[in-house]
Amino acid sequence: MPELIQLSMDQFKDAIADTIRTLITSLNLDKVDLRHSVFPGMDNKEDLARTAGERTRKFMRGIVTGDINLLRELQTGVINDGEVRTSLTEGTPAQGGYLVPDEFMNTVVVLIPQYGVARRYCRVIPMTSDTKRIPKLSTVGITTYWPGEGAAITASQPVFGEIPLTAKKAGQIIPMTNELLEDTDLLVALLTDLAAQQFAYAEDNQLFNGNASSPAITGIFNAGSGATVVTMGTGKISGADIDYGDLVDLEEAVPGNYLAGARYFMHRNMFKYIRKIKDDAGGYVYVAKEKLINEYGYEKAEAAPSTVTTAATKVLCLANLSQSHVFGDRKRMTLALLKEGTVGSDNLGEKDMSAFRFIERVDIQESQPTACVVLKTAAA
């Protein structure tokens, strides 16, 4: 006669749970992604890309037609996000628009670094709320001692500080004819590209020129920046006067531990003078094939100072942006369709046009400003 097995209630529950988990795994149901409607068998790049594209097109159709039920359907699985629920229940252009799906936002975010440098080189910090505090090392403060036999080692410790990040709203309005609204694929491609271009320039503009108010971001070339400033020699009152010695002075001013990731940033108006500089041996410091300036990489940025031929003007910088600045990304982008009003000189109603309003929330702050050195022309 088989032996009778007695189980406690807890053991019985555990046995049932194990059986269910085994069954779910055997059916591949543990791979279901409720948020993005990805099911077993859709684990290759083509299927995932197709699903992402379909969700993006659905979202755009919902925006254009005002179909709130379709927009709500795209948020399946996001049951604890109060901001999403509010947006989908009450969202109107007057209230800020609709949160874009991750797929749409990621497409824009991936394109932005192609047009700008801030996201590409700064240390990007995801923000799960509107504010975040990032620890930073203010002073190394650690000393190595050589104590004698049996002698005590003197204690030392680093000093830590904090970098406060506060998400700041950046918005743009893109007008277009209503005929374009009928072609969803073209509309998505056009909007993502235009939005990326404009956000890239706006972010770079704050990184380089932010005036510490509206929003509270201090740019590298602003007087309030903590970046080190190297001034060109007497009489060098224009960027056109730059020579090999100025580059050497700039590079020597960057602490050695930041040089490995440093690169030059400047406007194309300044770049044309850099290309003409020769070193002490008569060779050009600009190496086109390797995209180097005096052994360091470079980037031409449209948002960098374009006026480079006047006295007492900051004209370029050598910076390790991954160390000198942090880029806070709230990971929230909203989109609204405007059908009334005037955008620039265009009356939307009179010209049978509509306009899309994008809003993102980001912040850019200095972390180790000495990792950035700015070159300034001499006073007149």
Protein backbone atom coordinates (compact mmCIF):
# COMPACT_ATOMS: atom_id res chain seq x y z
CA MET A 1 0.00 0.00 0.00
CA PRO A 2 1.48 3.35 -1.02
CA GLU A 3 2.73 5.52 1.83
CA LEU A 4 0.36 8.38 2.69
CA ILE A 5 2.02 11.79 2.22
CA GLN A 6 0.76 14.57 4.43
CA LEU A 7 1.38 18.20 3.46
CA SER A 8 0.84 21.35 5.44
CA MET A 9 -1.23 24.11 3.82
CA ASP A 10 1.94 26.17 3.12
CA GLN A 11 3.63 23.16 1.50
CA PHE A 12 0.51 22.54 -0.59
CA LYS A 13 0.51 26.19 -1.79
CA ASP A 14 4.20 26.01 -2.66
CA ALA A 15 3.69 22.80 -4.64
CA ILE A 16 0.82 24.35 -6.63
CA ALA A 17 2.87 27.52 -7.28
CA ASP A 18 5.83 25.46 -8.52
CA THR A 19 3.57 23.53 -10.86
CA ILE A 20 2.08 26.71 -12.30
CA ARG A 21 5.52 28.31 -12.79
CA THR A 22 6.75 25.19 -14.59
CA LEU A 23 3.71 25.24 -16.88
CA ILE A 24 4.11 28.96 -17.66
CA THR A 25 7.78 28.44 -18.53
CA SER A 26 7.05 25.43 -20.72
CA LEU A 27 4.55 27.49 -22.73
CA ASN A 28 6.97 30.44 -23.02
CA LEU A 29 4.39 32.66 -21.35
CA ASP A 30 7.07 34.00 -19.02
CA LYS A 31 8.40 35.94 -22.02
CA VAL A 32 5.21 37.92 -22.58
CA ASP A 33 5.80 41.71 -22.51
CA LEU A 34 2.40 43.19 -21.64
CA ARG A 35 3.52 46.77 -21.99
CA HIS A 36 4.73 46.42 -25.57
CA SER A 37 2.47 43.55 -26.68
CA VAL A 38 5.42 41.31 -27.51
CA PHE A 39 4.59 37.59 -27.22
CA PRO A 40 6.60 34.34 -27.42
CA GLY A 41 8.17 33.83 -30.81
CA MET A 42 8.70 37.58 -31.29
CA ASP A 43 12.22 37.62 -29.93
CA ASN A 44 14.11 38.53 -33.08
CA LYS A 45 15.03 42.06 -34.12
CA GLU A 46 12.71 42.12 -37.14
CA ASP A 47 9.62 41.21 -35.11
CA LEU A 48 10.46 43.62 -32.32
CA ALA A 49 11.15 46.44 -34.80
CA ARG A 50 7.86 45.71 -36.58
CA THR A 51 5.95 45.83 -33.29
CA ALA A 52 7.63 49.10 -32.31
CA GLY A 53 6.83 50.62 -35.70
CA GLU A 54 3.19 49.54 -35.49
CA ARG A 55 2.81 51.05 -32.01
CA THR A 56 4.35 54.33 -33.19
CA ARG A 57 2.02 54.52 -36.19
CA LYS A 58 -0.97 53.70 -33.98
CA PHE A 59 0.02 56.47 -31.60
CA MET A 60 0.30 58.98 -34.44
CA ARG A 61 -3.10 57.95 -35.82
CA GLY A 62 -4.56 58.42 -32.35
CA ILE A 63 -3.05 61.91 -32.07
CA VAL A 64 -4.23 62.99 -35.53
CA THR A 65 -7.77 61.60 -35.16
CA GLY A 66 -8.14 62.37 -31.45
CA ASP A 67 -8.92 58.70 -30.72
CA ILE A 68 -8.38 58.51 -26.94
CA ASN A 69 -9.38 54.83 -26.85
CA LEU A 70 -6.58 53.99 -29.27
CA LEU A 71 -4.11 56.02 -27.21
CA ARG A 72 -5.28 54.28 -24.04
CA GLU A 73 -4.83 50.87 -25.71
CA LEU A 74 -1.13 51.62 -26.25
CA GLN A 75 -0.58 51.86 -22.51
CA THR A 76 -1.64 48.25 -21.78
CA GLY A 77 0.36 46.96 -18.87
CA VAL A 78 1.18 50.38 -17.41
CA ILE A 79 -1.20 50.08 -14.48
CA ASN A 80 0.73 52.01 -11.82
CA ASP A 81 1.73 55.10 -13.76
CA GLY A 82 -0.57 57.87 -12.54
CA GLU A 83 0.87 60.35 -15.01
CA VAL A 84 -0.02 58.10 -17.95
CA ARG A 85 -3.56 57.52 -16.68
CA THR A 86 -4.12 61.24 -16.19
CA SER A 87 -2.73 62.02 -19.62
CA LEU A 88 -4.93 59.48 -21.36
CA THR A 89 -8.07 60.33 -19.41
CA GLU A 90 -7.89 64.10 -19.40
CA GLY A 91 -5.18 64.86 -21.96
CA THR A 92 -5.89 67.79 -24.25
CA PRO A 93 -3.53 70.24 -25.94
CA ALA A 94 -4.34 72.76 -23.19
CA GLN A 95 -3.23 70.26 -20.56
CA GLY A 96 0.09 69.42 -22.17
CA GLY A 97 -0.73 66.70 -24.71
CA TYR A 98 -0.18 62.95 -24.55
CA LEU A 99 2.82 61.00 -23.32
CA VAL A 100 4.51 59.49 -26.38
CA PRO A 101 5.18 55.72 -26.37
CA ASP A 102 8.70 54.57 -25.49
CA GLU A 103 9.29 53.52 -29.11
CA PHE A 104 8.54 57.01 -30.47
CA MET A 105 10.56 58.78 -27.76
CA ASN A 106 13.52 56.42 -28.20
CA THR A 107 13.58 57.12 -31.94
CA VAL A 108 13.88 60.85 -31.24
CA VAL A 109 16.44 60.33 -28.46
CA VAL A 110 18.59 58.11 -30.69
CA LEU A 111 18.57 60.76 -33.44
CA ILE A 112 19.44 63.72 -31.18
CA PRO A 113 23.14 62.77 -30.72
CA GLN A 114 23.49 62.64 -34.50
CA TYR A 115 22.68 66.35 -34.63
CA GLY A 116 24.16 67.53 -31.32
CA VAL A 117 26.95 66.84 -28.83
CA ALA A 118 25.41 67.27 -25.36
CA ARG A 119 23.75 63.84 -25.16
CA ARG A 120 26.62 62.22 -27.04
CA TYR A 121 29.41 63.24 -24.69
CA CYS A 122 27.95 64.30 -21.33
CA ARG A 123 27.28 61.66 -18.69
CA VAL A 124 23.55 60.95 -19.15
CA ILE A 125 21.65 60.29 -15.92
CA PRO A 126 18.08 58.88 -16.17
CA MET A 127 15.67 60.72 -13.85
CA THR A 128 12.70 58.83 -12.44
CA SER A 129 11.30 62.02 -10.87
CA ASP A 130 11.55 65.76 -11.54
CA THR A 131 14.46 66.11 -9.12
CA LYS A 132 17.50 63.96 -8.44
CA ARG A 133 20.72 64.45 -6.47
CA ILE A 134 23.91 62.88 -7.83
CA PRO A 135 26.90 62.38 -5.52
CA LYS A 136 30.23 63.73 -6.71
CA LEU A 137 33.76 63.63 -5.40
CA SER A 138 34.61 67.20 -4.35
CA THR A 139 38.09 66.47 -2.97
CA VAL A 140 40.05 63.26 -3.30
CA GLY A 141 41.49 63.79 0.16
CA ILE A 142 43.22 60.41 0.36
CA THR A 143 46.93 60.30 1.14
CA THR A 144 49.20 57.28 1.06
CA TYR A 145 51.66 57.11 3.99
CA TRP A 146 54.77 55.07 4.61
CA PRO A 147 54.66 54.33 8.34
CA GLY A 148 57.55 52.75 10.18
CA GLU A 149 57.30 49.30 11.72
CA GLY A 150 54.51 49.31 14.31
CA ALA A 151 53.58 52.95 13.62
CA ALA A 152 50.00 54.02 12.99
CA ILE A 153 48.77 55.02 9.51
CA THR A 154 47.33 58.52 9.48
CA ALA A 155 43.67 58.48 8.50
CA SER A 156 42.43 60.45 5.50
CA GLN A 157 39.15 60.55 3.63
CA PRO A 158 37.64 62.03 0.48
CA VAL A 159 35.10 64.84 0.54
CA PHE A 160 31.83 64.22 -1.30
CA GLY A 161 29.32 66.73 -2.61
CA GLU A 162 26.07 66.60 -4.55
CA ILE A 163 24.90 67.68 -7.99
CA PRO A 164 21.22 68.70 -7.90
CA LEU A 165 19.32 67.89 -11.09
CA THR A 166 15.91 69.47 -11.71
CA ALA A 167 14.02 68.57 -14.88
CA LYS A 168 13.45 71.66 -16.99
CA LYS A 169 10.84 71.92 -19.71
CA ALA A 170 11.92 72.44 -23.32
CA GLY A 171 9.26 72.75 -26.00
CA GLN A 172 8.95 73.19 -29.75
CA ILE A 173 6.08 73.66 -32.20
CA ILE A 174 6.31 72.20 -35.71
CA PRO A 175 3.67 73.48 -38.20
CA MET A 176 2.76 71.51 -41.33
CA THR A 177 0.03 71.24 -43.92
CA ASN A 178 -2.95 69.00 -43.18
CA GLU A 179 -2.20 66.93 -46.28
CA LEU A 180 0.84 65.49 -44.51
CA LEU A 181 -1.36 64.20 -41.68
CA GLU A 182 -2.84 61.63 -44.05
CA ASP A 183 0.48 59.79 -44.55
CA THR A 184 1.32 58.24 -41.17
CA ASP A 185 4.68 56.75 -42.19
CA LEU A 186 5.92 60.02 -43.70
CA LEU A 187 4.56 61.97 -40.73
CA VAL A 188 6.39 59.81 -38.18
CA ALA A 189 9.69 60.02 -40.09
CA LEU A 190 9.40 63.77 -40.58
CA LEU A 191 8.39 64.57 -37.01
CA THR A 192 11.04 62.42 -35.34
CA ASP A 193 13.78 63.94 -37.49
CA LEU A 194 12.64 67.55 -37.04
CA ALA A 195 12.11 67.11 -33.30
CA ALA A 196 15.55 65.54 -32.91
CA GLN A 197 17.25 68.38 -34.79
CA GLN A 198 15.58 71.08 -32.73
CA PHE A 199 16.05 69.39 -29.35
CA ALA A 200 19.71 68.70 -30.20
CA TYR A 201 20.39 72.38 -30.91
CA ALA A 202 18.45 73.53 -27.83
CA GLU A 203 20.37 71.15 -25.55
CA ASP A 204 23.73 72.11 -27.06
CA ASN A 205 22.85 75.79 -26.74
CA GLN A 206 22.30 75.37 -23.00
CA LEU A 207 25.48 73.31 -22.62
CA PHE A 208 27.59 76.03 -24.27
CA ASN A 209 25.69 79.29 -23.74
CA GLY A 210 23.19 78.78 -20.87
CA ASN A 211 22.85 82.03 -18.91
CA ALA A 212 21.91 80.41 -15.56
CA SER A 213 18.31 81.68 -15.76
CA SER A 214 15.31 80.59 -17.81
CA PRO A 215 16.33 77.80 -17.43
CA ALA A 216 18.88 77.59 -14.60
CA ILE A 217 21.68 76.06 -16.67
CA THR A 218 25.12 77.67 -16.84
CA GLY A 219 26.87 77.17 -20.17
CA ILE A 220 30.56 76.41 -20.63
CA PHE A 221 31.21 79.77 -22.32
CA ASN A 222 29.19 81.74 -19.76
CA ALA A 223 31.02 83.88 -17.22
CA GLY A 224 29.45 81.91 -14.36
CA SER A 225 30.90 78.59 -15.50
CA GLY A 226 33.53 76.88 -13.37
CA ALA A 227 35.58 76.00 -16.46
CA THR A 228 39.22 77.10 -16.50
CA VAL A 229 39.90 80.02 -18.88
CA VAL A 230 43.15 80.37 -20.84
CA THR A 231 43.68 83.79 -22.46
CA MET A 232 45.65 84.17 -25.66
CA GLY A 233 48.77 86.35 -25.65
CA THR A 234 48.83 90.13 -25.94
CA GLY A 235 47.73 91.32 -29.37
CA LYS A 236 45.86 88.13 -30.21
CA ILE A 237 42.43 89.72 -30.28
CA SER A 238 40.84 87.37 -32.84
CA GLY A 239 40.38 83.64 -33.25
CA ALA A 240 42.28 84.07 -36.51
CA ASP A 241 45.40 84.81 -34.41
CA ILE A 242 45.46 81.37 -32.80
CA ASP A 243 48.71 79.40 -33.09
CA TYR A 244 50.30 76.16 -31.92
CA GLY A 245 51.35 77.69 -28.60
CA ASP A 246 47.76 78.50 -27.72
CA LEU A 247 46.74 74.88 -28.22
CA VAL A 248 49.64 73.72 -26.05
CA ASP A 249 48.63 76.14 -23.29
CA LEU A 250 45.04 74.89 -23.50
CA GLU A 251 46.03 71.24 -23.31
CA GLU A 252 48.42 71.85 -20.42
CA ALA A 253 45.59 73.46 -18.45
CA VAL A 254 43.48 70.27 -18.47
CA PRO A 255 44.28 68.02 -15.48
CA GLY A 256 46.09 64.89 -16.64
CA ASN A 257 43.40 62.53 -15.37
CA TYR A 258 40.84 64.16 -17.71
CA LEU A 259 42.91 64.34 -20.89
CA ALA A 260 42.21 60.76 -22.03
CA GLY A 261 38.60 61.58 -22.92
CA ALA A 262 39.05 65.25 -23.84
CA ARG A 263 38.18 66.71 -27.24
CA TYR A 264 37.87 70.14 -28.83
CA PHE A 265 34.45 71.78 -29.29
CA MET A 266 33.97 74.84 -31.49
CA HIS A 267 31.82 76.48 -34.15
CA ARG A 268 32.75 75.95 -37.81
CA ASN A 269 33.74 79.63 -37.94
CA MET A 270 36.59 78.82 -35.57
CA PHE A 271 37.41 75.48 -37.13
CA LYS A 272 38.58 77.14 -40.35
CA TYR A 273 41.40 78.83 -38.42
CA ILE A 274 42.36 75.65 -36.59
CA ARG A 275 42.93 73.86 -39.89
CA LYS A 276 45.69 76.32 -40.80
CA ILE A 277 47.80 75.91 -37.62
CA LYS A 278 51.22 74.28 -37.92
CA ASP A 279 53.27 72.79 -35.11
CA ASP A 280 56.91 73.62 -34.33
CA ALA A 281 58.08 71.07 -36.91
CA GLY A 282 55.98 72.67 -39.67
CA GLY A 283 53.27 70.00 -39.78
CA TYR A 284 49.58 70.77 -39.63
CA VAL A 285 47.97 70.01 -36.26
CA TYR A 286 44.72 69.09 -38.00
CA VAL A 287 44.74 65.49 -39.22
CA ALA A 288 41.70 65.09 -41.47
CA LYS A 289 42.01 61.34 -41.99
CA GLU A 290 41.98 60.59 -38.25
CA LYS A 291 39.74 63.54 -37.36
CA LEU A 292 42.23 64.84 -34.81
CA ILE A 293 43.55 68.20 -33.69
CA ASN A 294 46.94 67.88 -32.06
CA GLU A 295 46.17 64.28 -31.00
CA TYR A 296 42.70 65.10 -29.62
CA GLY A 297 39.32 64.52 -31.22
CA TYR A 298 37.07 67.43 -32.09
CA GLU A 299 33.45 68.32 -32.81
CA LYS A 300 32.02 71.24 -34.74
CA ALA A 301 28.90 72.43 -32.92
CA GLU A 302 26.48 74.97 -34.39
CA ALA A 303 25.52 76.10 -30.88
CA ALA A 304 29.13 76.97 -29.94
CA PRO A 305 30.07 80.68 -30.17
CA SER A 306 29.99 81.76 -33.82
CA THR A 307 31.56 85.18 -33.23
CA VAL A 308 35.27 84.41 -33.01
CA THR A 309 37.04 87.49 -34.41
CA THR A 310 36.51 89.97 -31.57
CA ALA A 311 38.64 90.77 -28.54
CA ALA A 312 38.06 89.21 -25.09
CA THR A 313 35.83 86.50 -26.58
CA LYS A 314 35.68 82.80 -25.72
CA VAL A 315 36.15 80.92 -28.97
CA LEU A 316 36.57 77.20 -28.24
CA CYS A 317 37.04 74.67 -25.46
CA LEU A 318 38.90 71.46 -24.76
CA ALA A 319 36.74 69.32 -22.50
CA ASN A 320 36.13 65.84 -21.19
CA LEU A 321 32.35 66.28 -21.07
CA SER A 322 31.74 62.85 -19.54
CA GLN A 323 33.54 64.17 -16.46
CA SER A 324 32.72 67.87 -16.55
CA HIS A 325 28.93 67.71 -17.05
CA VAL A 326 25.94 65.51 -16.27
CA PHE A 327 22.84 65.41 -18.46
CA GLY A 328 19.65 64.59 -16.56
CA ASP A 329 16.93 63.00 -18.70
CA ARG A 330 13.43 62.78 -17.19
CA LYS A 331 12.43 60.24 -19.89
CA ARG A 332 9.11 61.99 -20.41
CA MET A 333 8.10 63.44 -23.76
CA THR A 334 4.63 64.72 -24.63
CA LEU A 335 3.03 65.49 -27.97
CA ALA A 336 -0.05 67.58 -28.76
CA LEU A 337 -1.74 68.43 -32.06
CA LEU A 338 -2.77 72.09 -32.36
CA LYS A 339 -5.41 72.98 -34.94
CA GLU A 340 -6.09 76.60 -34.01
CA GLY A 341 -4.00 79.68 -33.35
CA THR A 342 -1.01 81.32 -35.02
CA VAL A 343 2.45 79.79 -35.25
CA GLY A 344 4.98 82.38 -36.38
CA SER A 345 3.23 84.06 -39.29
CA ASP A 346 0.98 81.07 -40.05
CA ASN A 347 -2.66 81.20 -39.00
CA LEU A 348 -3.42 77.48 -38.77
CA GLY A 349 -7.12 77.81 -39.50
CA GLU A 350 -6.75 80.16 -42.46
CA LYS A 351 -3.99 78.12 -44.10
CA ASP A 352 -5.50 74.66 -43.45
CA MET A 353 -2.53 73.71 -41.31
CA SER A 354 -1.88 71.96 -38.01
CA ALA A 355 1.06 72.08 -35.61
CA PHE A 356 2.66 69.49 -33.37
CA ARG A 357 3.92 70.58 -29.97
CA PHE A 358 6.70 68.51 -28.40
CA ILE A 359 7.82 68.91 -24.79
CA GLU A 360 10.78 67.18 -23.11
CA ARG A 361 12.23 67.59 -19.61
CA VAL A 362 16.00 67.59 -19.09
CA ASP A 363 18.77 69.29 -17.11
CA ILE A 364 22.49 69.92 -17.65
CA GLN A 365 24.81 70.69 -14.73
CA GLU A 366 28.53 70.90 -14.05
CA SER A 367 30.06 68.01 -12.13
CA GLN A 368 33.85 68.49 -12.44
CA PRO A 369 34.26 71.87 -14.20
CA THR A 370 38.08 71.66 -14.18
CA ALA A 371 37.72 68.92 -16.83
CA CYS A 372 36.81 71.75 -19.22
CA VAL A 373 39.19 74.51 -20.37
CA VAL A 374 38.11 77.48 -22.51
CA LEU A 375 40.29 79.57 -24.85
CA LYS A 376 39.65 83.33 -24.86
CA THR A 377 41.03 86.02 -27.17
CA ALA A 378 43.11 88.80 -25.64
CA ALA A 379 41.65 92.14 -24.64
CA ALA A 380 41.95 94.97 -27.14
